Amino acid sequence: MNRKILKIGRGQSCDIIIQHESVSTLHAWLIASGNQLLLVDCGSTNGTRVHTQGLKKITQTNVTRIDRLSLGAYETSVSELLNQI
């Protein structure tokens, strides 16, 4: 199985760096495995939300490229994140 783990956050060691005050240093992982994408919150201070899931804070959930996300107060989409790598 081919699996890629992308680190998302403010920290310089992240694969996807987001310079926003409400994003944690290591905020979340986006795990790509085959055609599936899994979003995992890494215990962030301000939470991770997927708009299609009623904006409740998640610990982990499957997402699609078109899903809109909130990482703290920073809003983006899965496809926008993937375009940064």
PDB file of N, CA and C in Angstrom:
ATOM      1  N   MET A   1       0.835  -1.170   0.000  1.00  0.00           N
ATOM      2  CA  MET A   1       0.000   0.000   0.000  1.00  0.00           C
ATOM      3  C   MET A   1       0.886   1.242   0.000  1.00  0.00           C
ATOM      4  N   ASN A   2       0.607   2.174  -0.907  1.00  0.00           N
ATOM      5  CA  ASN A   2       1.346   3.418  -1.000  1.00  0.00           C
ATOM      6  C   ASN A   2       0.627   4.472  -0.166  1.00  0.00           C
ATOM      7  N   ARG A   3       1.281   4.963   0.892  1.00  0.00           N
ATOM      8  CA  ARG A   3       0.656   5.919   1.811  1.00  0.00           C
ATOM      9  C   ARG A   3       1.588   7.108   2.005  1.00  0.00           C
ATOM     10  N   LYS A   4       1.024   8.294   1.963  1.00  0.00           N
ATOM     11  CA  LYS A   4       1.796   9.527   2.168  1.00  0.00           C
ATOM     12  C   LYS A   4       1.146  10.305   3.295  1.00  0.00           C
ATOM     13  N   ILE A   5       1.949  10.749   4.246  1.00  0.00           N
ATOM     14  CA  ILE A   5       1.462  11.533   5.380  1.00  0.00           C
ATOM     15  C   ILE A   5       2.007  12.944   5.250  1.00  0.00           C
ATOM     16  N   LEU A   6       1.099  13.909   5.170  1.00  0.00           N
ATOM     17  CA  LEU A   6       1.477  15.314   5.070  1.00  0.00           C
ATOM     18  C   LEU A   6       1.183  16.006   6.389  1.00  0.00           C
ATOM     19  N   LYS A   7       2.178  16.691   6.933  1.00  0.00           N
ATOM     20  CA  LYS A   7       2.006  17.442   8.181  1.00  0.00           C
ATOM     21  C   LYS A   7       1.553  18.862   7.824  1.00  0.00           C
ATOM     22  N   ILE A   8       0.514  19.340   8.542  1.00  0.00           N
ATOM     23  CA  ILE A   8      -0.047  20.670   8.309  1.00  0.00           C
ATOM     24  C   ILE A   8       0.088  21.482   9.586  1.00  0.00           C
ATOM     25  N   GLY A   9       0.598  22.707   9.481  1.00  0.00           N
ATOM     26  CA  GLY A   9       0.698  23.574  10.647  1.00  0.00           C
ATOM     27  C   GLY A   9       1.585  24.777  10.392  1.00  0.00           C
ATOM     28  N   ARG A  10       1.889  25.516  11.455  1.00  0.00           N
ATOM     29  CA  ARG A  10       2.750  26.700  11.368  1.00  0.00           C
ATOM     30  C   ARG A  10       4.230  26.354  11.388  1.00  0.00           C
ATOM     31  N   GLY A  11       4.581  25.200  11.902  1.00  0.00           N
ATOM     32  CA  GLY A  11       5.980  24.831  12.080  1.00  0.00           C
ATOM     33  C   GLY A  11       6.736  24.639  10.786  1.00  0.00           C
ATOM     34  N   GLN A  12       8.012  24.971  10.817  1.00  0.00           N
ATOM     35  CA  GLN A  12       8.859  24.855   9.628  1.00  0.00           C
ATOM     36  C   GLN A  12       9.074  23.411   9.178  1.00  0.00           C
ATOM     37  N   SER A  13       8.825  22.453  10.053  1.00  0.00           N
ATOM     38  CA  SER A  13       8.994  21.050   9.668  1.00  0.00           C
ATOM     39  C   SER A  13       7.745  20.485   8.983  1.00  0.00           C
ATOM     40  N   CYS A  14       6.698  21.295   8.850  1.00  0.00           N
ATOM     41  CA  CYS A  14       5.460  20.821   8.214  1.00  0.00           C
ATOM     42  C   CYS A  14       5.610  20.793   6.697  1.00  0.00           C
ATOM     43  N   ASP A  15       4.891  19.887   6.073  1.00  0.00           N
ATOM     44  CA  ASP A  15       4.871  19.808   4.606  1.00  0.00           C
ATOM     45  C   ASP A  15       4.031  20.936   4.019  1.00  0.00           C
ATOM     46  N   ILE A  16       2.950  21.286   4.724  1.00  0.00           N
ATOM     47  CA  ILE A  16       2.070  22.382   4.321  1.00  0.00           C
ATOM     48  C   ILE A  16       2.089  23.397   5.462  1.00  0.00           C
ATOM     49  N   ILE A  17       2.742  24.536   5.219  1.00  0.00           N
ATOM     50  CA  ILE A  17       2.914  25.548   6.259  1.00  0.00           C
ATOM     51  C   ILE A  17       1.843  26.626   6.101  1.00  0.00           C
ATOM     52  N   ILE A  18       1.128  26.871   7.192  1.00  0.00           N
ATOM     53  CA  ILE A  18       0.078  27.887   7.208  1.00  0.00           C
ATOM     54  C   ILE A  18       0.436  28.898   8.296  1.00  0.00           C
ATOM     55  N   GLN A  19       0.794  30.101   7.887  1.00  0.00           N
ATOM     56  CA  GLN A  19       1.158  31.156   8.823  1.00  0.00           C
ATOM     57  C   GLN A  19      -0.105  31.903   9.250  1.00  0.00           C
ATOM     58  N   HIS A  20      -0.820  31.329  10.205  1.00  0.00           N
ATOM     59  CA  HIS A  20      -2.022  31.961  10.759  1.00  0.00           C
ATOM     60  C   HIS A  20      -2.019  31.723  12.254  1.00  0.00           C
ATOM     61  N   GLU A  21      -2.340  32.759  13.014  1.00  0.00           N
ATOM     62  CA  GLU A  21      -2.227  32.686  14.472  1.00  0.00           C
ATOM     63  C   GLU A  21      -3.084  31.607  15.128  1.00  0.00           C
ATOM     64  N   SER A  22      -4.159  31.167  14.484  1.00  0.00           N
ATOM     65  CA  SER A  22      -5.021  30.157  15.105  1.00  0.00           C
ATOM     66  C   SER A  22      -4.657  28.733  14.700  1.00  0.00           C
ATOM     67  N   VAL A  23      -3.639  28.586  13.851  1.00  0.00           N
ATOM     68  CA  VAL A  23      -3.167  27.265  13.428  1.00  0.00           C
ATOM     69  C   VAL A  23      -2.017  26.859  14.340  1.00  0.00           C
ATOM     70  N   SER A  24      -2.080  25.646  14.877  1.00  0.00           N
ATOM     71  CA  SER A  24      -1.036  25.147  15.771  1.00  0.00           C
ATOM     72  C   SER A  24       0.245  24.830  15.001  1.00  0.00           C
ATOM     73  N   THR A  25       1.349  24.734  15.724  1.00  0.00           N
ATOM     74  CA  THR A  25       2.640  24.424  15.115  1.00  0.00           C
ATOM     75  C   THR A  25       2.549  23.126  14.313  1.00  0.00           C
ATOM     76  N   LEU A  26       1.976  22.077  14.889  1.00  0.00           N
ATOM     77  CA  LEU A  26       1.618  20.858  14.161  1.00  0.00           C
ATOM     78  C   LEU A  26       0.123  20.683  14.390  1.00  0.00           C
ATOM     79  N   HIS A  27      -0.663  21.088  13.422  1.00  0.00           N
ATOM     80  CA  HIS A  27      -2.120  21.152  13.586  1.00  0.00           C
ATOM     81  C   HIS A  27      -2.798  19.836  13.208  1.00  0.00           C
ATOM     82  N   ALA A  28      -2.446  19.301  12.040  1.00  0.00           N
ATOM     83  CA  ALA A  28      -3.142  18.111  11.541  1.00  0.00           C
ATOM     84  C   ALA A  28      -2.247  17.340  10.586  1.00  0.00           C
ATOM     85  N   TRP A  29      -2.647  16.110  10.350  1.00  0.00           N
ATOM     86  CA  TRP A  29      -2.047  15.283   9.295  1.00  0.00           C
ATOM     87  C   TRP A  29      -3.101  15.060   8.230  1.00  0.00           C
ATOM     88  N   LEU A  30      -2.679  15.047   6.984  1.00  0.00           N
ATOM     89  CA  LEU A  30      -3.518  14.613   5.871  1.00  0.00           C
ATOM     90  C   LEU A  30      -2.847  13.371   5.319  1.00  0.00           C
ATOM     91  N   ILE A  31      -3.526  12.254   5.454  1.00  0.00           N
ATOM     92  CA  ILE A  31      -2.953  10.967   5.059  1.00  0.00           C
ATOM     93  C   ILE A  31      -3.630  10.506   3.772  1.00  0.00           C
ATOM     94  N   ALA A  32      -2.819  10.338   2.736  1.00  0.00           N
ATOM     95  CA  ALA A  32      -3.313   9.861   1.448  1.00  0.00           C
ATOM     96  C   ALA A  32      -2.925   8.395   1.299  1.00  0.00           C
ATOM     97  N   SER A  33      -3.923   7.572   1.071  1.00  0.00           N
ATOM     98  CA  SER A  33      -3.698   6.140   0.889  1.00  0.00           C
ATOM     99  C   SER A  33      -4.581   5.673  -0.262  1.00  0.00           C
ATOM    100  N   GLY A  34      -3.958   5.404  -1.392  1.00  0.00           N
ATOM    101  CA  GLY A  34      -4.743   5.063  -2.573  1.00  0.00           C
ATOM    102  C   GLY A  34      -5.609   6.251  -2.958  1.00  0.00           C
ATOM    103  N   ASN A  35      -6.912   6.022  -3.097  1.00  0.00           N
ATOM    104  CA  ASN A  35      -7.846   7.098  -3.438  1.00  0.00           C
ATOM    105  C   ASN A  35      -8.481   7.733  -2.214  1.00  0.00           C
ATOM    106  N   GLN A  36      -8.074   7.334  -1.022  1.00  0.00           N
ATOM    107  CA  GLN A  36      -8.683   7.840   0.198  1.00  0.00           C
ATOM    108  C   GLN A  36      -7.803   8.885   0.865  1.00  0.00           C
ATOM    109  N   LEU A  37      -8.463   9.870   1.482  1.00  0.00           N
ATOM    110  CA  LEU A  37      -7.787  10.904   2.246  1.00  0.00           C
ATOM    111  C   LEU A  37      -8.351  10.907   3.655  1.00  0.00           C
ATOM    112  N   LEU A  38      -7.477  10.880   4.635  1.00  0.00           N
ATOM    113  CA  LEU A  38      -7.868  10.895   6.034  1.00  0.00           C
ATOM    114  C   LEU A  38      -7.272  12.140   6.670  1.00  0.00           C
ATOM    115  N   LEU A  39      -8.113  12.945   7.331  1.00  0.00           N
ATOM    116  CA  LEU A  39      -7.666  14.138   8.035  1.00  0.00           C
ATOM    117  C   LEU A  39      -7.660  13.823   9.525  1.00  0.00           C
ATOM    118  N   VAL A  40      -6.519  14.044  10.173  1.00  0.00           N
ATOM    119  CA  VAL A  40      -6.353  13.730  11.590  1.00  0.00           C
ATOM    120  C   VAL A  40      -5.899  14.990  12.323  1.00  0.00           C
ATOM    121  N   ASP A  41      -6.671  15.429  13.321  1.00  0.00           N
ATOM    122  CA  ASP A  41      -6.257  16.553  14.154  1.00  0.00           C
ATOM    123  C   ASP A  41      -5.187  16.058  15.122  1.00  0.00           C
ATOM    124  N   CYS A  42      -4.122  16.821  15.285  1.00  0.00           N
ATOM    125  CA  CYS A  42      -2.996  16.418  16.137  1.00  0.00           C
ATOM    126  C   CYS A  42      -3.077  17.047  17.525  1.00  0.00           C
ATOM    127  N   GLY A  43      -4.282  17.178  18.062  1.00  0.00           N
ATOM    128  CA  GLY A  43      -4.438  17.785  19.374  1.00  0.00           C
ATOM    129  C   GLY A  43      -4.278  19.294  19.322  1.00  0.00           C
ATOM    130  N   SER A  44      -4.665  19.896  18.204  1.00  0.00           N
ATOM    131  CA  SER A  44      -4.509  21.335  18.025  1.00  0.00           C
ATOM    132  C   SER A  44      -5.291  22.121  19.077  1.00  0.00           C
ATOM    133  N   THR A  45      -4.822  23.307  19.363  1.00  0.00           N
ATOM    134  CA  THR A  45      -5.465  24.170  20.352  1.00  0.00           C
ATOM    135  C   THR A  45      -6.849  24.623  19.900  1.00  0.00           C
ATOM    136  N   ASN A  46      -6.989  25.008  18.637  1.00  0.00           N
ATOM    137  CA  ASN A  46      -8.236  25.601  18.145  1.00  0.00           C
ATOM    138  C   ASN A  46      -9.094  24.673  17.308  1.00  0.00           C
ATOM    139  N   GLY A  47      -8.690  23.429  17.172  1.00  0.00           N
ATOM    140  CA  GLY A  47      -9.529  22.431  16.521  1.00  0.00           C
ATOM    141  C   GLY A  47      -9.480  22.425  15.009  1.00  0.00           C
ATOM    142  N   THR A  48     -10.004  21.327  14.463  1.00  0.00           N
ATOM    143  CA  THR A  48     -10.128  21.107  13.029  1.00  0.00           C
ATOM    144  C   THR A  48     -11.575  20.756  12.751  1.00  0.00           C
ATOM    145  N   ARG A  49     -12.139  21.392  11.730  1.00  0.00           N
ATOM    146  CA  ARG A  49     -13.541  21.149  11.393  1.00  0.00           C
ATOM    147  C   ARG A  49     -13.674  20.903   9.904  1.00  0.00           C
ATOM    148  N   VAL A  50     -14.595  20.018   9.551  1.00  0.00           N
ATOM    149  CA  VAL A  50     -14.933  19.759   8.150  1.00  0.00           C
ATOM    150  C   VAL A  50     -16.343  20.292   7.947  1.00  0.00           C
ATOM    151  N   HIS A  51     -16.513  21.216   7.021  1.00  0.00           N
ATOM    152  CA  HIS A  51     -17.778  21.920   6.858  1.00  0.00           C
ATOM    153  C   HIS A  51     -18.951  20.989   6.549  1.00  0.00           C
ATOM    154  N   THR A  52     -18.722  19.916   5.801  1.00  0.00           N
ATOM    155  CA  THR A  52     -19.804  19.000   5.465  1.00  0.00           C
ATOM    156  C   THR A  52     -20.248  18.157   6.653  1.00  0.00           C
ATOM    157  N   GLN A  53     -19.524  18.235   7.767  1.00  0.00           N
ATOM    158  CA  GLN A  53     -19.860  17.456   8.952  1.00  0.00           C
ATOM    159  C   GLN A  53     -20.377  18.349  10.076  1.00  0.00           C
ATOM    160  N   GLY A  54     -21.014  19.443   9.697  1.00  0.00           N
ATOM    161  CA  GLY A  54     -21.664  20.293  10.672  1.00  0.00           C
ATOM    162  C   GLY A  54     -20.734  21.126  11.527  1.00  0.00           C
ATOM    163  N   LEU A  55     -19.494  21.302  11.109  1.00  0.00           N
ATOM    164  CA  LEU A  55     -18.511  22.137  11.786  1.00  0.00           C
ATOM    165  C   LEU A  55     -18.175  21.694  13.204  1.00  0.00           C
ATOM    166  N   LYS A  56     -18.467  20.430  13.534  1.00  0.00           N
ATOM    167  CA  LYS A  56     -18.029  19.928  14.839  1.00  0.00           C
ATOM    168  C   LYS A  56     -16.536  19.643  14.774  1.00  0.00           C
ATOM    169  N   LYS A  57     -15.848  19.788  15.900  1.00  0.00           N
ATOM    170  CA  LYS A  57     -14.424  19.473  15.942  1.00  0.00           C
ATOM    171  C   LYS A  57     -14.249  17.980  15.707  1.00  0.00           C
ATOM    172  N   ILE A  58     -13.248  17.625  14.925  1.00  0.00           N
ATOM    173  CA  ILE A  58     -12.986  16.216  14.613  1.00  0.00           C
ATOM    174  C   ILE A  58     -11.658  15.795  15.230  1.00  0.00           C
ATOM    175  N   THR A  59     -11.522  14.494  15.427  1.00  0.00           N
ATOM    176  CA  THR A  59     -10.218  13.939  15.760  1.00  0.00           C
ATOM    177  C   THR A  59      -9.627  13.305  14.513  1.00  0.00           C
ATOM    178  N   GLN A  60     -10.470  12.592  13.761  1.00  0.00           N
ATOM    179  CA  GLN A  60     -10.065  12.102  12.447  1.00  0.00           C
ATOM    180  C   GLN A  60     -11.301  11.779  11.641  1.00  0.00           C
ATOM    181  N   THR A  61     -11.206  11.960  10.321  1.00  0.00           N
ATOM    182  CA  THR A  61     -12.322  11.682   9.433  1.00  0.00           C
ATOM    183  C   THR A  61     -11.829  11.569   8.001  1.00  0.00           C
ATOM    184  N   ASN A  62     -12.555  10.828   7.191  1.00  0.00           N
ATOM    185  CA  ASN A  62     -12.267  10.766   5.767  1.00  0.00           C
ATOM    186  C   ASN A  62     -12.750  12.062   5.122  1.00  0.00           C
ATOM    187  N   VAL A  63     -11.979  12.572   4.172  1.00  0.00           N
ATOM    188  CA  VAL A  63     -12.339  13.787   3.451  1.00  0.00           C
ATOM    189  C   VAL A  63     -12.149  13.552   1.956  1.00  0.00           C
ATOM    190  N   THR A  64     -12.712  14.474   1.168  1.00  0.00           N
ATOM    191  CA  THR A  64     -12.508  14.462  -0.282  1.00  0.00           C
ATOM    192  C   THR A  64     -11.806  15.757  -0.672  1.00  0.00           C
ATOM    193  N   ARG A  65     -11.326  15.813  -1.891  1.00  0.00           N
ATOM    194  CA  ARG A  65     -10.604  17.002  -2.362  1.00  0.00           C
ATOM    195  C   ARG A  65     -11.474  18.253  -2.332  1.00  0.00           C
ATOM    196  N   ILE A  66     -12.793  18.115  -2.415  1.00  0.00           N
ATOM    197  CA  ILE A  66     -13.665  19.292  -2.474  1.00  0.00           C
ATOM    198  C   ILE A  66     -14.149  19.749  -1.098  1.00  0.00           C
ATOM    199  N   ASP A  67     -13.834  19.005  -0.045  1.00  0.00           N
ATOM    200  CA  ASP A  67     -14.275  19.396   1.298  1.00  0.00           C
ATOM    201  C   ASP A  67     -13.648  20.711   1.725  1.00  0.00           C
ATOM    202  N   ARG A  68     -14.467  21.568   2.352  1.00  0.00           N
ATOM    203  CA  ARG A  68     -14.000  22.805   2.967  1.00  0.00           C
ATOM    204  C   ARG A  68     -13.649  22.511   4.412  1.00  0.00           C
ATOM    205  N   LEU A  69     -12.572  23.132   4.904  1.00  0.00           N
ATOM    206  CA  LEU A  69     -12.053  22.871   6.241  1.00  0.00           C
ATOM    207  C   LEU A  69     -11.844  24.171   7.000  1.00  0.00           C
ATOM    208  N   SER A  70     -11.884  24.064   8.329  1.00  0.00           N
ATOM    209  CA  SER A  70     -11.418  25.130   9.206  1.00  0.00           C
ATOM    210  C   SER A  70     -10.331  24.546  10.080  1.00  0.00           C
ATOM    211  N   LEU A  71      -9.161  25.133  10.000  1.00  0.00           N
ATOM    212  CA  LEU A  71      -8.051  24.786  10.879  1.00  0.00           C
ATOM    213  C   LEU A  71      -7.935  25.970  11.828  1.00  0.00           C
ATOM    214  N   GLY A  72      -8.511  25.840  13.012  1.00  0.00           N
ATOM    215  CA  GLY A  72      -8.688  27.004  13.864  1.00  0.00           C
ATOM    216  C   GLY A  72      -9.640  27.946  13.144  1.00  0.00           C
ATOM    217  N   ALA A  73      -9.254  29.211  12.979  1.00  0.00           N
ATOM    218  CA  ALA A  73     -10.082  30.186  12.261  1.00  0.00           C
ATOM    219  C   ALA A  73      -9.689  30.295  10.784  1.00  0.00           C
ATOM    220  N   TYR A  74      -8.683  29.527  10.357  1.00  0.00           N
ATOM    221  CA  TYR A  74      -8.204  29.551   8.969  1.00  0.00           C
ATOM    222  C   TYR A  74      -9.076  28.626   8.130  1.00  0.00           C
ATOM    223  N   GLU A  75      -9.705  29.172   7.086  1.00  0.00           N
ATOM    224  CA  GLU A  75     -10.560  28.371   6.218  1.00  0.00           C
ATOM    225  C   GLU A  75      -9.867  28.084   4.903  1.00  0.00           C
ATOM    226  N   THR A  76     -10.031  26.847   4.448  1.00  0.00           N
ATOM    227  CA  THR A  76      -9.387  26.398   3.222  1.00  0.00           C
ATOM    228  C   THR A  76     -10.165  25.194   2.698  1.00  0.00           C
ATOM    229  N   SER A  77      -9.637  24.541   1.690  1.00  0.00           N
ATOM    230  CA  SER A  77     -10.207  23.286   1.202  1.00  0.00           C
ATOM    231  C   SER A  77      -9.087  22.259   1.089  1.00  0.00           C
ATOM    232  N   VAL A  78      -9.466  21.020   1.007  1.00  0.00           N
ATOM    233  CA  VAL A  78      -8.469  19.953   0.857  1.00  0.00           C
ATOM    234  C   VAL A  78      -7.675  20.186  -0.429  1.00  0.00           C
ATOM    235  N   SER A  79      -8.356  20.539  -1.514  1.00  0.00           N
ATOM    236  CA  SER A  79      -7.636  20.743  -2.789  1.00  0.00           C
ATOM    237  C   SER A  79      -6.659  21.912  -2.691  1.00  0.00           C
ATOM    238  N   GLU A  80      -7.027  22.990  -1.967  1.00  0.00           N
ATOM    239  CA  GLU A  80      -6.101  24.117  -1.797  1.00  0.00           C
ATOM    240  C   GLU A  80      -4.860  23.687  -1.022  1.00  0.00           C
ATOM    241  N   LEU A  81      -5.044  22.852  -0.002  1.00  0.00           N
ATOM    242  CA  LEU A  81      -3.904  22.348   0.754  1.00  0.00           C
ATOM    243  C   LEU A  81      -3.000  21.504  -0.134  1.00  0.00           C
ATOM    244  N   LEU A  82      -3.605  20.603  -0.907  1.00  0.00           N
ATOM    245  CA  LEU A  82      -2.813  19.719  -1.772  1.00  0.00           C
ATOM    246  C   LEU A  82      -2.084  20.488  -2.859  1.00  0.00           C
ATOM    247  N   ASN A  83      -2.627  21.615  -3.280  1.00  0.00           N
ATOM    248  CA  ASN A  83      -1.964  22.438  -4.303  1.00  0.00           C
ATOM    249  C   ASN A  83      -0.700  23.106  -3.767  1.00  0.00           C
ATOM    250  N   GLN A  84      -0.520  23.146  -2.447  1.00  0.00           N
ATOM    251  CA  GLN A  84       0.662  23.781  -1.853  1.00  0.00           C
ATOM    252  C   GLN A  84       1.884  22.860  -1.815  1.00  0.00           C
ATOM    253  N   ILE A  85       1.703  21.600  -2.159  1.00  0.00           N
ATOM    254  CA  ILE A  85       2.846  20.683  -2.118  1.00  0.00           C
ATOM    255  C   ILE A  85       3.395  20.428  -3.498  1.00  0.00           C
TER     256      ILE A  85
END
